[in-house]
Amino acid sequence: MSDHLVTDAPNAAAEARNRRKIREGLVVSVAMHKTIVITVTDKVRHERYSKTIQRTLRLHVHDEENEAKVGDRVRVMETRPISKLKRWRLVDVVERAR
């Protein structure tokens, strides 16, 4: 038996070679069919003034089952280009909107 692939998770070998970016964000729009728009917010420190700045990135995400709703916190993964704007796909819904 090979010792280098013995791990806790059954998909650990697949995750080790999968270097796709994963982001977590808030769903802001579900107006399109099989597409959601999320915002990913990062807090970064300004290099000169050392003030904390909030940067918001809007991502178009492929949602095959139309399962996400506005206000949900979701996890998305980078993927091949699906359309002009869609470069991400929905992995799972982390938290449902109340």
Protein backbone atom coordinates (compact mmCIF):
# COMPACT_ATOMS: atom_id res chain seq x y z
CA MET A 1 0.00 0.00 0.00
CA SER A 2 1.24 3.45 -0.86
CA ASP A 3 1.82 5.65 2.21
CA HIS A 4 1.98 8.98 0.43
CA LEU A 5 -1.77 9.05 -0.38
CA VAL A 6 -3.10 7.86 3.00
CA THR A 7 -5.19 10.75 4.36
CA ASP A 8 -8.43 11.48 6.18
CA ALA A 9 -10.38 12.80 3.21
CA PRO A 10 -11.21 10.48 0.31
CA ASN A 11 -10.79 13.36 -2.20
CA ALA A 12 -7.48 14.59 -0.82
CA ALA A 13 -5.52 13.45 -3.89
CA ALA A 14 -7.92 15.28 -6.18
CA GLU A 15 -7.75 18.41 -4.02
CA ALA A 16 -3.95 18.30 -3.96
CA ARG A 17 -3.70 18.66 -7.74
CA ASN A 18 -6.72 20.98 -8.04
CA ARG A 19 -5.33 24.50 -7.73
CA ARG A 20 -8.53 26.39 -8.57
CA LYS A 21 -9.35 29.47 -6.57
CA ILE A 22 -12.19 29.21 -4.07
CA ARG A 23 -14.03 32.32 -2.85
CA GLU A 24 -16.88 32.90 -0.44
CA GLY A 25 -19.40 35.67 -0.97
CA LEU A 26 -22.92 36.98 -0.61
CA VAL A 27 -25.56 36.52 -3.32
CA VAL A 28 -26.87 39.91 -4.53
CA SER A 29 -28.78 38.93 -7.69
CA VAL A 30 -30.62 35.86 -9.03
CA ALA A 31 -32.33 37.61 -11.97
CA MET A 32 -30.71 35.44 -14.67
CA HIS A 33 -31.43 31.77 -15.43
CA LYS A 34 -28.72 29.45 -14.00
CA THR A 35 -26.62 32.49 -13.05
CA ILE A 36 -26.14 34.34 -9.78
CA VAL A 37 -24.12 37.44 -8.99
CA ILE A 38 -22.17 37.47 -5.74
CA THR A 39 -20.03 40.07 -3.99
CA VAL A 40 -16.73 39.08 -2.42
CA THR A 41 -15.47 41.61 0.12
CA ASP A 42 -11.80 41.85 1.10
CA LYS A 43 -10.29 44.14 3.68
CA VAL A 44 -6.83 45.32 2.66
CA ARG A 45 -4.44 47.77 4.24
CA HIS A 46 -3.36 50.79 2.20
CA GLU A 47 0.40 50.60 1.77
CA ARG A 48 1.15 54.28 2.34
CA TYR A 49 -1.56 55.43 4.76
CA SER A 50 -2.12 52.12 6.60
CA LYS A 51 -5.87 52.67 6.52
CA THR A 52 -8.06 49.60 6.11
CA ILE A 53 -9.95 49.68 2.80
CA GLN A 54 -12.88 47.48 1.88
CA ARG A 55 -12.67 46.18 -1.70
CA THR A 56 -15.73 44.58 -3.28
CA LEU A 57 -15.56 42.25 -6.26
CA ARG A 58 -18.68 41.19 -8.19
CA LEU A 59 -18.54 37.70 -9.70
CA HIS A 60 -20.98 36.04 -12.10
CA VAL A 61 -21.43 32.43 -11.01
CA HIS A 62 -22.94 29.40 -12.76
CA ASP A 63 -25.73 27.88 -10.62
CA GLU A 64 -26.96 24.77 -12.44
CA GLU A 65 -29.96 24.00 -10.18
CA ASN A 66 -30.92 27.62 -9.37
CA GLU A 67 -30.57 26.75 -5.69
CA ALA A 68 -29.08 30.01 -4.35
CA LYS A 69 -31.29 32.88 -3.24
CA VAL A 70 -30.54 36.55 -2.54
CA GLY A 71 -28.80 36.93 0.81
CA ASP A 72 -27.26 33.44 0.90
CA ARG A 73 -23.58 33.04 1.74
CA VAL A 74 -22.07 30.75 -0.92
CA ARG A 75 -18.75 29.14 -1.81
CA VAL A 76 -17.66 29.30 -5.47
CA MET A 77 -14.82 27.76 -7.46
CA GLU A 78 -12.93 29.05 -10.46
CA THR A 79 -13.73 27.17 -13.67
CA ARG A 80 -13.36 27.34 -17.44
CA PRO A 81 -15.17 30.20 -19.20
CA ILE A 82 -18.87 29.32 -19.39
CA SER A 83 -20.04 32.56 -21.01
CA LYS A 84 -18.81 36.10 -21.58
CA LEU A 85 -18.81 36.94 -17.86
CA LYS A 86 -19.12 33.59 -16.05
CA ARG A 87 -15.80 32.15 -14.88
CA TRP A 88 -17.01 30.67 -11.56
CA ARG A 89 -19.34 27.86 -10.51
CA LEU A 90 -21.31 27.28 -7.33
CA VAL A 91 -19.79 24.71 -4.96
CA ASP A 92 -22.23 24.92 -2.07
CA VAL A 93 -24.46 27.19 -0.03
CA VAL A 94 -22.67 27.87 3.25
CA GLU A 95 -25.50 29.72 4.98
CA ARG A 96 -29.09 30.38 3.93
CA ALA A 97 -30.61 33.87 4.13
CA ARG A 98 -33.00 34.46 6.99
